[in-house]
Amino acid sequence: MPPDMTKGGAPAKTRRPTSSTPTSANLSTNLTALPPDMALAVRLVAEIVTKAERDAQHAAAAWKAGYTAGFREGEDIGHSRAEHEMHDHWASIAAKVRDLGKPGSLTHAEFAARRIQPGGDAYLAAYQRRGGMDYTGGPVPWEPTKEEQGAA
């Protein structure tokens, strides 16, 4: 069985670095107390660790910058597309409204049906009470006269 596998076949847990794991901080110890070959090895390991830490920081910064730039670009494209879709939608609505105002677009019967349609039966009953005429403007008395109130 490979050394990285447990008895059940699952991979063994990876070990976390301990205080004895070389880092750039704990490798800069007093090298004069070590034999010359050991001091050289420790110095080389410290340089390798420092370079690896620096490379990891550069890679993380580059990834973050790339992700941020990509997100901004995608956001701009999304806003642009949404604005284009809204413009197309409102353009079709505006065309329908403009067409309604053109002479001959609807017959008088179609206009009357549309005028009555929103109010339903209540509007139609009030329309009939007024003698089939809508208010066309002009002065209207603020309060009804006594004859109109039926108190004469």
N, C-alpha and C. Protein backbone atom coordinates (compact mmCIF):
# COMPACT_ATOMS: atom_id res chain seq x y z
N MET A 1 0.86 -1.17 0.00
CA MET A 1 0.00 0.00 0.00
C MET A 1 0.91 1.23 0.00
N PRO A 2 0.57 2.25 -0.84
CA PRO A 2 1.40 3.45 -0.87
C PRO A 2 1.40 4.13 0.48
N PRO A 3 2.45 4.86 0.80
CA PRO A 3 2.54 5.48 2.13
C PRO A 3 1.52 6.58 2.35
N ASP A 4 0.96 7.18 1.28
CA ASP A 4 0.01 8.26 1.48
C ASP A 4 -1.42 7.76 1.61
N MET A 5 -1.63 6.46 1.59
CA MET A 5 -2.97 5.90 1.69
C MET A 5 -3.15 5.28 3.07
N THR A 6 -4.37 5.40 3.62
CA THR A 6 -4.66 4.75 4.89
C THR A 6 -5.13 3.33 4.60
N LYS A 7 -5.42 2.59 5.63
CA LYS A 7 -5.79 1.19 5.45
C LYS A 7 -7.09 1.05 4.66
N GLY A 8 -8.05 1.97 4.84
CA GLY A 8 -9.33 1.89 4.15
C GLY A 8 -9.27 2.38 2.71
N GLY A 9 -8.17 2.91 2.26
CA GLY A 9 -8.04 3.33 0.88
C GLY A 9 -8.18 4.83 0.70
N ALA A 10 -8.64 5.55 1.70
CA ALA A 10 -8.80 7.00 1.58
C ALA A 10 -7.44 7.66 1.74
N PRO A 11 -7.21 8.78 1.07
CA PRO A 11 -5.93 9.47 1.21
C PRO A 11 -5.71 9.94 2.63
N ALA A 12 -4.47 9.88 3.06
CA ALA A 12 -4.13 10.34 4.40
C ALA A 12 -4.24 11.85 4.45
N LYS A 13 -4.51 12.38 5.64
CA LYS A 13 -4.60 13.83 5.80
C LYS A 13 -3.24 14.46 5.58
N THR A 14 -3.25 15.61 4.94
CA THR A 14 -1.98 16.30 4.74
C THR A 14 -1.56 16.95 6.05
N ARG A 15 -0.27 17.01 6.27
CA ARG A 15 0.25 17.58 7.51
C ARG A 15 0.33 19.09 7.37
N ARG A 16 -0.04 19.78 8.43
CA ARG A 16 0.08 21.23 8.47
C ARG A 16 1.50 21.60 8.88
N PRO A 17 1.97 22.74 8.40
CA PRO A 17 3.33 23.14 8.80
C PRO A 17 3.41 23.38 10.29
N THR A 18 4.49 22.95 10.86
CA THR A 18 4.73 23.18 12.29
C THR A 18 5.80 24.24 12.42
N SER A 19 6.15 24.53 13.64
CA SER A 19 7.18 25.55 13.86
C SER A 19 8.53 25.10 13.33
N SER A 20 8.71 23.78 13.10
CA SER A 20 9.99 23.31 12.56
C SER A 20 10.01 23.36 11.04
N THR A 21 8.89 23.67 10.40
CA THR A 21 8.85 23.80 8.94
C THR A 21 9.60 25.06 8.55
N PRO A 22 10.48 24.99 7.54
CA PRO A 22 11.28 26.16 7.21
C PRO A 22 10.44 27.28 6.62
N THR A 23 10.62 28.46 7.14
CA THR A 23 10.04 29.67 6.58
C THR A 23 11.13 30.71 6.55
N SER A 24 10.89 31.78 5.82
CA SER A 24 11.93 32.82 5.74
C SER A 24 12.16 33.45 7.10
N ALA A 25 11.17 33.43 7.97
CA ALA A 25 11.32 34.07 9.28
C ALA A 25 12.20 33.26 10.22
N ASN A 26 11.96 31.94 10.29
CA ASN A 26 12.72 31.17 11.27
C ASN A 26 14.01 30.58 10.71
N LEU A 27 14.34 30.84 9.45
CA LEU A 27 15.61 30.36 8.90
C LEU A 27 16.74 31.37 9.08
N SER A 28 16.39 32.58 9.38
CA SER A 28 17.45 33.58 9.56
C SER A 28 17.96 33.55 10.99
N THR A 29 18.43 32.41 11.40
CA THR A 29 18.97 32.25 12.75
C THR A 29 20.46 32.55 12.73
N ASN A 30 21.09 32.37 13.84
CA ASN A 30 22.53 32.60 13.94
C ASN A 30 23.26 31.47 13.22
N LEU A 31 23.76 31.77 12.01
CA LEU A 31 24.40 30.74 11.20
C LEU A 31 25.87 30.51 11.59
N THR A 32 26.42 31.35 12.40
CA THR A 32 27.83 31.19 12.77
C THR A 32 28.04 29.98 13.67
N ALA A 33 27.01 29.54 14.38
CA ALA A 33 27.16 28.40 15.27
C ALA A 33 27.10 27.08 14.52
N LEU A 34 26.72 27.10 13.22
CA LEU A 34 26.59 25.87 12.44
C LEU A 34 27.88 25.60 11.64
N PRO A 35 28.08 24.34 11.29
CA PRO A 35 29.21 24.05 10.40
C PRO A 35 29.01 24.77 9.06
N PRO A 36 30.10 25.08 8.32
CA PRO A 36 29.99 25.86 7.09
C PRO A 36 29.06 25.25 6.04
N ASP A 37 29.11 23.93 5.86
CA ASP A 37 28.23 23.29 4.86
C ASP A 37 26.77 23.42 5.28
N MET A 38 26.49 23.26 6.56
CA MET A 38 25.12 23.37 7.08
C MET A 38 24.63 24.80 6.96
N ALA A 39 25.51 25.77 7.26
CA ALA A 39 25.12 27.18 7.15
C ALA A 39 24.78 27.53 5.70
N LEU A 40 25.56 27.01 4.74
CA LEU A 40 25.28 27.25 3.32
C LEU A 40 23.93 26.64 2.94
N ALA A 41 23.66 25.43 3.42
CA ALA A 41 22.39 24.77 3.12
C ALA A 41 21.22 25.55 3.70
N VAL A 42 21.37 26.02 4.92
CA VAL A 42 20.31 26.80 5.56
C VAL A 42 20.08 28.10 4.80
N ARG A 43 21.16 28.76 4.38
CA ARG A 43 21.03 30.01 3.61
C ARG A 43 20.31 29.76 2.28
N LEU A 44 20.68 28.67 1.59
CA LEU A 44 20.02 28.34 0.32
C LEU A 44 18.54 28.03 0.50
N VAL A 45 18.23 27.28 1.56
CA VAL A 45 16.82 26.97 1.85
C VAL A 45 16.06 28.25 2.17
N ALA A 46 16.67 29.15 2.91
CA ALA A 46 16.01 30.42 3.25
C ALA A 46 15.75 31.24 1.99
N GLU A 47 16.70 31.26 1.05
CA GLU A 47 16.49 31.99 -0.21
C GLU A 47 15.36 31.36 -1.03
N ILE A 48 15.34 30.02 -1.07
CA ILE A 48 14.28 29.32 -1.83
C ILE A 48 12.92 29.61 -1.22
N VAL A 49 12.83 29.55 0.10
CA VAL A 49 11.54 29.82 0.78
C VAL A 49 11.11 31.26 0.54
N THR A 50 12.04 32.21 0.65
CA THR A 50 11.71 33.62 0.42
C THR A 50 11.21 33.84 -1.00
N LYS A 51 11.90 33.21 -1.97
CA LYS A 51 11.46 33.34 -3.37
C LYS A 51 10.09 32.72 -3.58
N ALA A 52 9.83 31.57 -2.97
CA ALA A 52 8.54 30.91 -3.10
C ALA A 52 7.41 31.77 -2.50
N GLU A 53 7.67 32.39 -1.34
CA GLU A 53 6.68 33.27 -0.73
C GLU A 53 6.41 34.48 -1.62
N ARG A 54 7.47 35.05 -2.18
CA ARG A 54 7.31 36.22 -3.05
C ARG A 54 6.55 35.84 -4.32
N ASP A 55 6.87 34.69 -4.90
CA ASP A 55 6.17 34.23 -6.10
C ASP A 55 4.68 33.98 -5.81
N ALA A 56 4.39 33.43 -4.64
CA ALA A 56 2.99 33.18 -4.27
C ALA A 56 2.24 34.49 -4.11
N GLN A 57 2.89 35.50 -3.52
CA GLN A 57 2.23 36.81 -3.38
C GLN A 57 1.99 37.45 -4.75
N HIS A 58 2.97 37.33 -5.65
CA HIS A 58 2.81 37.89 -6.99
C HIS A 58 1.68 37.17 -7.74
N ALA A 59 1.62 35.87 -7.62
CA ALA A 59 0.57 35.10 -8.30
C ALA A 59 -0.81 35.47 -7.75
N ALA A 60 -0.92 35.61 -6.44
CA ALA A 60 -2.21 36.00 -5.84
C ALA A 60 -2.62 37.39 -6.28
N ALA A 61 -1.67 38.32 -6.33
CA ALA A 61 -1.99 39.69 -6.76
C ALA A 61 -2.38 39.72 -8.23
N ALA A 62 -1.69 38.94 -9.07
CA ALA A 62 -2.02 38.89 -10.50
C ALA A 62 -3.40 38.28 -10.70
N TRP A 63 -3.71 37.21 -9.97
CA TRP A 63 -5.02 36.58 -10.10
C TRP A 63 -6.12 37.55 -9.68
N LYS A 64 -5.91 38.25 -8.57
CA LYS A 64 -6.91 39.21 -8.10
C LYS A 64 -7.13 40.33 -9.11
N ALA A 65 -6.03 40.84 -9.68
CA ALA A 65 -6.15 41.91 -10.68
C ALA A 65 -6.89 41.42 -11.92
N GLY A 66 -6.57 40.20 -12.36
CA GLY A 66 -7.26 39.64 -13.53
C GLY A 66 -8.73 39.40 -13.27
N TYR A 67 -9.05 38.87 -12.09
CA TYR A 67 -10.45 38.62 -11.74
C TYR A 67 -11.23 39.93 -11.69
N THR A 68 -10.64 40.95 -11.07
CA THR A 68 -11.31 42.25 -10.96
C THR A 68 -11.54 42.86 -12.33
N ALA A 69 -10.54 42.81 -13.19
CA ALA A 69 -10.69 43.37 -14.54
C ALA A 69 -11.75 42.60 -15.32
N GLY A 70 -11.76 41.29 -15.21
CA GLY A 70 -12.77 40.49 -15.90
C GLY A 70 -14.17 40.77 -15.39
N PHE A 71 -14.30 40.94 -14.09
CA PHE A 71 -15.61 41.23 -13.51
C PHE A 71 -16.13 42.57 -14.01
N ARG A 72 -15.23 43.59 -14.01
CA ARG A 72 -15.64 44.91 -14.49
C ARG A 72 -16.07 44.86 -15.95
N GLU A 73 -15.32 44.15 -16.76
CA GLU A 73 -15.64 44.05 -18.18
C GLU A 73 -16.98 43.34 -18.37
N GLY A 74 -17.20 42.27 -17.63
CA GLY A 74 -18.47 41.54 -17.72
C GLY A 74 -19.63 42.39 -17.25
N GLU A 75 -19.40 43.19 -16.22
CA GLU A 75 -20.45 44.06 -15.71
C GLU A 75 -20.83 45.11 -16.76
N ASP A 76 -19.83 45.69 -17.42
CA ASP A 76 -20.10 46.67 -18.47
C ASP A 76 -20.87 46.05 -19.63
N ILE A 77 -20.49 44.85 -20.01
CA ILE A 77 -21.19 44.17 -21.10
C ILE A 77 -22.63 43.88 -20.70
N GLY A 78 -22.83 43.44 -19.47
CA GLY A 78 -24.20 43.14 -18.99
C GLY A 78 -25.08 44.38 -18.98
N HIS A 79 -24.52 45.51 -18.48
CA HIS A 79 -25.30 46.75 -18.47
C HIS A 79 -25.62 47.20 -19.89
N SER A 80 -24.66 47.09 -20.78
CA SER A 80 -24.86 47.50 -22.17
C SER A 80 -25.96 46.65 -22.82
N ARG A 81 -25.92 45.37 -22.57
CA ARG A 81 -26.94 44.49 -23.16
C ARG A 81 -28.33 44.80 -22.59
N ALA A 82 -28.41 45.03 -21.29
CA ALA A 82 -29.71 45.34 -20.67
C ALA A 82 -30.26 46.66 -21.22
N GLU A 83 -29.39 47.66 -21.38
CA GLU A 83 -29.85 48.94 -21.94
C GLU A 83 -30.34 48.76 -23.37
N HIS A 84 -29.66 47.94 -24.14
CA HIS A 84 -30.07 47.67 -25.53
C HIS A 84 -31.44 46.98 -25.55
N GLU A 85 -31.64 45.98 -24.68
CA GLU A 85 -32.92 45.28 -24.63
C GLU A 85 -34.05 46.22 -24.20
N MET A 86 -33.78 47.09 -23.21
CA MET A 86 -34.81 48.05 -22.78
C MET A 86 -35.15 49.02 -23.91
N HIS A 87 -34.13 49.47 -24.63
CA HIS A 87 -34.37 50.40 -25.74
C HIS A 87 -35.25 49.74 -26.80
N ASP A 88 -34.96 48.48 -27.14
CA ASP A 88 -35.78 47.78 -28.14
C ASP A 88 -37.21 47.61 -27.66
N HIS A 89 -37.38 47.25 -26.37
CA HIS A 89 -38.73 47.05 -25.83
C HIS A 89 -39.53 48.35 -25.86
N TRP A 90 -38.91 49.45 -25.38
CA TRP A 90 -39.63 50.72 -25.36
C TRP A 90 -39.86 51.26 -26.77
N ALA A 91 -38.98 50.96 -27.70
CA ALA A 91 -39.18 51.40 -29.09
C ALA A 91 -40.43 50.75 -29.68
N SER A 92 -40.65 49.47 -29.38
CA SER A 92 -41.86 48.81 -29.90
C SER A 92 -43.12 49.39 -29.26
N ILE A 93 -43.06 49.72 -27.97
CA ILE A 93 -44.22 50.33 -27.31
C ILE A 93 -44.48 51.72 -27.88
N ALA A 94 -43.42 52.50 -28.08
CA ALA A 94 -43.58 53.84 -28.64
C ALA A 94 -44.16 53.79 -30.04
N ALA A 95 -43.78 52.81 -30.83
CA ALA A 95 -44.33 52.67 -32.18
C ALA A 95 -45.83 52.40 -32.13
N LYS A 96 -46.26 51.56 -31.19
CA LYS A 96 -47.69 51.27 -31.05
C LYS A 96 -48.45 52.53 -30.65
N VAL A 97 -47.90 53.31 -29.72
CA VAL A 97 -48.56 54.54 -29.27
C VAL A 97 -48.64 55.55 -30.42
N ARG A 98 -47.54 55.69 -31.16
CA ARG A 98 -47.55 56.62 -32.31
C ARG A 98 -48.58 56.20 -33.35
N ASP A 99 -48.70 54.89 -33.58
CA ASP A 99 -49.66 54.41 -34.57
C ASP A 99 -51.10 54.69 -34.15
N LEU A 100 -51.37 54.69 -32.84
CA LEU A 100 -52.74 54.98 -32.38
C LEU A 100 -53.14 56.41 -32.71
N GLY A 101 -52.18 57.33 -32.75
CA GLY A 101 -52.50 58.72 -33.01
C GLY A 101 -52.63 59.06 -34.48
N LYS A 102 -52.32 58.15 -35.37
CA LYS A 102 -52.41 58.44 -36.81
C LYS A 102 -53.86 58.38 -37.26
N PRO A 103 -54.26 59.28 -38.14
CA PRO A 103 -55.64 59.25 -38.64
C PRO A 103 -55.93 57.92 -39.34
N GLY A 104 -57.07 57.38 -39.05
CA GLY A 104 -57.49 56.13 -39.68
C GLY A 104 -56.89 54.89 -39.05
N SER A 105 -56.20 55.03 -37.93
CA SER A 105 -55.59 53.84 -37.32
C SER A 105 -56.65 52.94 -36.70
N LEU A 106 -57.67 53.54 -36.07
CA LEU A 106 -58.78 52.78 -35.50
C LEU A 106 -60.10 53.42 -35.94
N THR A 107 -61.10 52.61 -36.09
CA THR A 107 -62.42 53.14 -36.44
C THR A 107 -63.04 53.75 -35.19
N HIS A 108 -64.12 54.54 -35.40
CA HIS A 108 -64.80 55.15 -34.26
C HIS A 108 -65.33 54.08 -33.31
N ALA A 109 -65.84 52.97 -33.84
CA ALA A 109 -66.37 51.90 -32.99
C ALA A 109 -65.26 51.29 -32.13
N GLU A 110 -64.06 51.13 -32.70
CA GLU A 110 -62.95 50.58 -31.92
C GLU A 110 -62.52 51.54 -30.81
N PHE A 111 -62.49 52.86 -31.14
CA PHE A 111 -62.17 53.84 -30.10
C PHE A 111 -63.21 53.82 -28.99
N ALA A 112 -64.50 53.74 -29.36
CA ALA A 112 -65.57 53.70 -28.36
C ALA A 112 -65.45 52.46 -27.49
N ALA A 113 -65.14 51.33 -28.11
CA ALA A 113 -65.00 50.09 -27.34
C ALA A 113 -63.83 50.20 -26.36
N ARG A 114 -62.74 50.80 -26.79
CA ARG A 114 -61.60 50.96 -25.90
C ARG A 114 -61.90 51.96 -24.79
N ARG A 115 -62.68 52.98 -25.09
CA ARG A 115 -63.03 53.97 -24.09
C ARG A 115 -63.91 53.35 -23.02
N ILE A 116 -64.81 52.48 -23.40
CA ILE A 116 -65.74 51.86 -22.46
C ILE A 116 -65.07 50.70 -21.71
N GLN A 117 -64.19 50.01 -22.36
CA GLN A 117 -63.60 48.80 -21.82
C GLN A 117 -62.99 48.95 -20.42
N PRO A 118 -62.17 49.97 -20.13
CA PRO A 118 -61.55 50.00 -18.80
C PRO A 118 -62.53 50.11 -17.66
N GLY A 119 -63.64 50.86 -17.83
CA GLY A 119 -64.57 51.06 -16.74
C GLY A 119 -65.56 49.93 -16.58
N GLY A 120 -65.72 49.13 -17.61
CA GLY A 120 -66.67 48.02 -17.54
C GLY A 120 -68.11 48.49 -17.47
N ASP A 121 -68.96 47.71 -16.82
CA ASP A 121 -70.40 47.98 -16.76
C ASP A 121 -70.72 49.26 -16.01
N ALA A 122 -69.97 49.58 -14.96
CA ALA A 122 -70.24 50.79 -14.19
C ALA A 122 -70.03 52.03 -15.06
N TYR A 123 -68.97 52.03 -15.86
CA TYR A 123 -68.73 53.17 -16.73
C TYR A 123 -69.80 53.25 -17.80
N LEU A 124 -70.18 52.13 -18.34
CA LEU A 124 -71.21 52.11 -19.39
C LEU A 124 -72.54 52.62 -18.85
N ALA A 125 -72.92 52.25 -17.61
CA ALA A 125 -74.17 52.72 -17.01
C ALA A 125 -74.13 54.24 -16.82
N ALA A 126 -73.00 54.79 -16.34
CA ALA A 126 -72.89 56.23 -16.17
C ALA A 126 -72.92 56.93 -17.52
N TYR A 127 -72.32 56.31 -18.51
CA TYR A 127 -72.31 56.86 -19.87
C TYR A 127 -73.74 56.95 -20.41
N GLN A 128 -74.54 55.93 -20.16
CA GLN A 128 -75.94 55.92 -20.61
C GLN A 128 -76.75 56.99 -19.86
N ARG A 129 -76.50 57.17 -18.55
CA ARG A 129 -77.21 58.19 -17.77
C ARG A 129 -76.93 59.58 -18.31
N ARG A 130 -75.73 59.80 -18.80
CA ARG A 130 -75.39 61.11 -19.35
C ARG A 130 -75.93 61.29 -20.76
N GLY A 131 -76.69 60.35 -21.22
CA GLY A 131 -77.26 60.46 -22.56
C GLY A 131 -76.27 60.08 -23.64
N GLY A 132 -75.30 59.27 -23.30
CA GLY A 132 -74.32 58.83 -24.29
C GLY A 132 -73.30 59.89 -24.64
N MET A 133 -73.12 60.85 -23.74
CA MET A 133 -72.15 61.91 -24.03
C MET A 133 -71.16 62.02 -22.88
N ASP A 134 -69.91 62.27 -23.24
CA ASP A 134 -68.89 62.51 -22.24
C ASP A 134 -68.77 64.00 -22.00
N TYR A 135 -68.16 64.36 -20.90
CA TYR A 135 -67.93 65.76 -20.58
C TYR A 135 -67.00 66.35 -21.64
N THR A 136 -67.38 67.45 -22.19
CA THR A 136 -66.58 68.07 -23.26
C THR A 136 -65.94 69.38 -22.81
N GLY A 137 -66.02 69.70 -21.56
CA GLY A 137 -65.41 70.92 -21.05
C GLY A 137 -66.44 72.00 -20.82
N GLY A 138 -66.02 73.10 -20.25
CA GLY A 138 -66.92 74.21 -20.00
C GLY A 138 -67.23 74.33 -18.52
N PRO A 139 -67.95 75.42 -18.14
CA PRO A 139 -68.25 75.63 -16.73
C PRO A 139 -69.24 74.59 -16.19
N VAL A 140 -69.00 74.20 -14.97
CA VAL A 140 -69.87 73.25 -14.29
C VAL A 140 -70.18 73.83 -12.93
N PRO A 141 -71.48 73.89 -12.53
CA PRO A 141 -71.80 74.45 -11.21
C PRO A 141 -71.19 73.60 -10.10
N TRP A 142 -70.68 74.29 -9.05
CA TRP A 142 -70.03 73.59 -7.97
C TRP A 142 -71.01 72.73 -7.20
N GLU A 143 -72.16 73.26 -6.89
CA GLU A 143 -73.18 72.50 -6.18
C GLU A 143 -74.41 72.42 -7.07
N PRO A 144 -75.14 71.30 -7.02
CA PRO A 144 -76.34 71.20 -7.85
C PRO A 144 -77.43 72.15 -7.36
N THR A 145 -78.26 72.57 -8.29
CA THR A 145 -79.37 73.45 -7.91
C THR A 145 -80.42 72.64 -7.16
N LYS A 146 -81.43 73.38 -6.54
CA LYS A 146 -82.46 72.67 -5.78
C LYS A 146 -83.33 71.83 -6.69
N GLU A 147 -83.51 72.28 -7.92
CA GLU A 147 -84.31 71.48 -8.86
C GLU A 147 -83.60 70.14 -9.16
N GLU A 148 -82.26 70.20 -9.31
CA GLU A 148 -81.50 68.99 -9.59
C GLU A 148 -81.50 68.06 -8.38
N GLN A 149 -81.60 68.63 -7.18
CA GLN A 149 -81.62 67.80 -5.97
C GLN A 149 -82.99 67.17 -5.75
N GLY A 150 -84.02 67.66 -6.47
CA GLY A 150 -85.36 67.12 -6.29
C GLY A 150 -86.07 67.67 -5.09
N ALA A 151 -85.60 68.81 -4.56
CA ALA A 151 -86.19 69.39 -3.37
C ALA A 151 -87.10 70.55 -3.71
N ALA A 152 -87.45 70.75 -4.98
CA ALA A 152 -88.24 71.92 -5.36
C ALA A 152 -89.65 71.86 -4.94
